[in-house]
Amino acid sequence: MYEELTTSMSTERAGEKLSLALYELILIDIQFTTQTCIYVGGTICLVLGLGNAISTQVRCISLLTLPAFCGRVGRGVLKAIVIAYVLAGPIQSIGINGQEVVRTFACSTTLTYNLTKARFDLIFRPFAEAVLNMKADTDEVKNSVHSIKNIVLPLAEEIEGEEEMRKIREENEYVDQTQGDSSREKEIKEKYKEGEREPEEIRYEKMYKRKMESKCEDIISRGTENCRRMFGEAYDRCYKKVSWAAAWLLCWPMKLTFVCNIVEAMGGSKPCDASRILEPGFGEGYAYLKRSSVSLSEEFRGARIQYEVHRTAERLDVQQAVDSTQAVIEEFQSKKVILDTVLMIVKQLLACIFVRIIFRAQEYHDKYLSDIQFDNMYVTHYFRQIDARRHKAEQHTILPLKKVERAILVDPCSVLPAKQERKKLFHQSLKLILEMVTATTVILLDHLLYEALDIIRRHGHIEYTQEGSHDLTLKVKGTGIIATLVRSILGGLNIRKRIKNIWSNEACLPQPTMMESYYFYKIYGTYFCIWLLLLAEAYTQRLQRVICAYFYPKREKRRVLFLYNETLKRRRELFKYMRAQVKHTVRERSLEHVPKSVATNQEGKVTTLWNQQVETDRTIPNNTRDIIIRDNEEQTCMLIHAAIPGNRNVIKKEDKNILQYKDLITEIQCMWNVKTKVTPAIITATGTVSKSFRKYLNSIPGKHEVKLGTAHILREVLM
């Protein structure tokens, strides 16, 4: 119980470490939120920890994820992670720098617009403002003329108005009647009686003098009336204060109202004589003023400033510089938002590809238990034990494997990968290089864009000094009202404008962002890990069977036994097929070939001896060879020995043949002065050949003829 608990705790810790490694290596670099990373990492830790603690299947699958990660699925996951790094690194950097390009374009357009606008304002704006202000100046002149009319109207009312004079004349008539005097209004009217053909100036002057005298008389009349009223009020107060007898004695002076006419009696009619006050020529000045007011009003009534602004025809789909800049920025921002959203979704989907490793491990686990032929191709230790027991029992064995079988079965303890594994490594490495070229191209494009923007930033700074002047002076001579009015109208055309601005494109220079070196190391480091996985794939994939065999030993024994029986069955079927093919060939007499004792090729360079003894100066044992091939041009000689031993020790037989013909080789080298070697052609009765058999066979010149001769010798031996 204690051991099981200890095993569960250790496997739980192993599962937690595996989940933490998965989180640190994969999930943390994908742009999930912190909360999502915590939830996902915690869930993985919990599931793997509990699963490894209570389930053998989970422990087996957890360990199978390691070789699965080193296989094709793992490489696919790493390639997906590389894509995520490329999206988060150079692609994101290209997007940021592209946004900087758009900002630079927009800023430069705005700067150009501001420079042009400043030049336009200096040259044309003063004229436009002056012309537009003329309308206001004209209105001001009209207001001035209207103000003159307003000034003339009170004067005209004072001189020509009759409404006020009617009341004054009535008061004067009333006073004269009350006092019993003669009518002063009649006297004034008679005094300033107007003739029928009198000039307008004299008529205005008489009219104003009559009004002045009437007003003066009205003032005197009011004084007299007030005097009488005051005497009457004083008499009434006095009469009320004393008795009637005393009132007659004391209040009678209040009845002396004749004293109220003493001013008029003393002054006569001279105090109100307007001729002494009004200067000569008054009427003429008033008439001229009135005519001037009317003429000014008539002349300025229809006066207006007319101007025409020539406008070019509006063009469709034409925008101002500011609008174009804003439109470009908004369009780029909208596209960038879409791109960022797509990249975020793609990166999060790529982050889920690591689940394929778990599915791959689960798939291998299930097939290992359900399909006995699945990944059943390894010559294990138990496989060798079975073969050794059969050899000891003198039954048919499998080891050593045939060439065809070596292409199917794999020795898990072999150090060097097989030929097919090397070929696969080459093709996968070439494919990986092409994928690296794609990622490198994206990185170079990002770096090229950064370098271009950085060069512009370092060498593109320019300062503009915009300086200019615009002077225009119009002088209007004169001091009269017309000169003043004209001066006010044309005063807006007096222009004196200066401009001196210093502009800089520093704000418009691009500020590029370089991709972090972190992504560079991540991308190429991941590619290097993929290549290491390719290099170690031949070894790591063997671990899957080892892991499953550790957890399911009985299942492994059944699989090995099935593999051995199937291989033995294929071996028997192969021998049957080969025997049938040989019989068929013999029946067709295609193997009947009787070579000549001595044969020379057409060029005379190669001489072949069949079953001939070499003539030597001394007796040499084993002097007869099956085939002797002498190359006169290359100065070489090859001794070929064909044999079919009954035992399986092919290598020992080959070494024996090479050693026993050592004396013959030395004698031939001395006599013929050629380089001589022995080539054994040994095939056991069971069809076993050595690993060097193909090398020996390929080194024989005149291969087709020699094969036929060798077949003739073997046929004679077998028959």
Foldseek 3Di string as FASTA:
>chain_A
DVVLQVQLQVQLVVQLVLLVVLLVPFVVPFPDDPVVSVVVSVVSSVVSNNCSNPDLLSSLLSVLLVLLLLDPLVLVLLVLSLVLLLCVFLVVQVLVLVLLVLLLVLLVLVVVVVVVVVVCCFPPVLVVVLLVCLQVLLVVVLVVLVVLVVVLVVVCCLQPNCPVLVVLQVLQVVLCVVVVHDRPLVVLCVVLPDDPPDDQLSNSVSSNLSSQLSVVSSVLSVQLVVLLVVLVVVLVVLPVVDDPVVSVVPSVVSVPSVVSCVVCVVPPSVVSRCVVPDDPCPSVVSVVSVVVSVVVCVVSVPDGRDDDDDDDDDDPPDDRSNVVSVVSSVVSVVVVVVVVVVSSVSSVVSSVSSVVSSVVSVVLLVCLVVPLPPVLAECDPVNVVVQVVCVVVVHDHCPPDDPVSPVRHDHLPDDDDDPVLVVVLVVVVVVLVVVVVVSVVSLVVSVVSQVVLVVCLVPVKDKDWDWDWDADDDDQDDDDPVSVSVCSSCVSVGDTDIDTDIDICNVSRGDRDHGDCVSVCSSVVSSVSSSVSSVCSSNSVVVSLVSSCVSPVVSNSVSSVVVRVVSVVVLVVVVVVVVVVVVVCVVVVVLDDDDDQWDADPVRQKIKGAQDFDDFPDDAPPRTAGMWIAGNVQQEIEGEHEDAAADQPQVVVVVVVQVSCPVVQVRCCVPSVGHYGYQYQYAYPSGDDDPCNVVSQVPDPPNVVVVSSSSVVVVVVVD
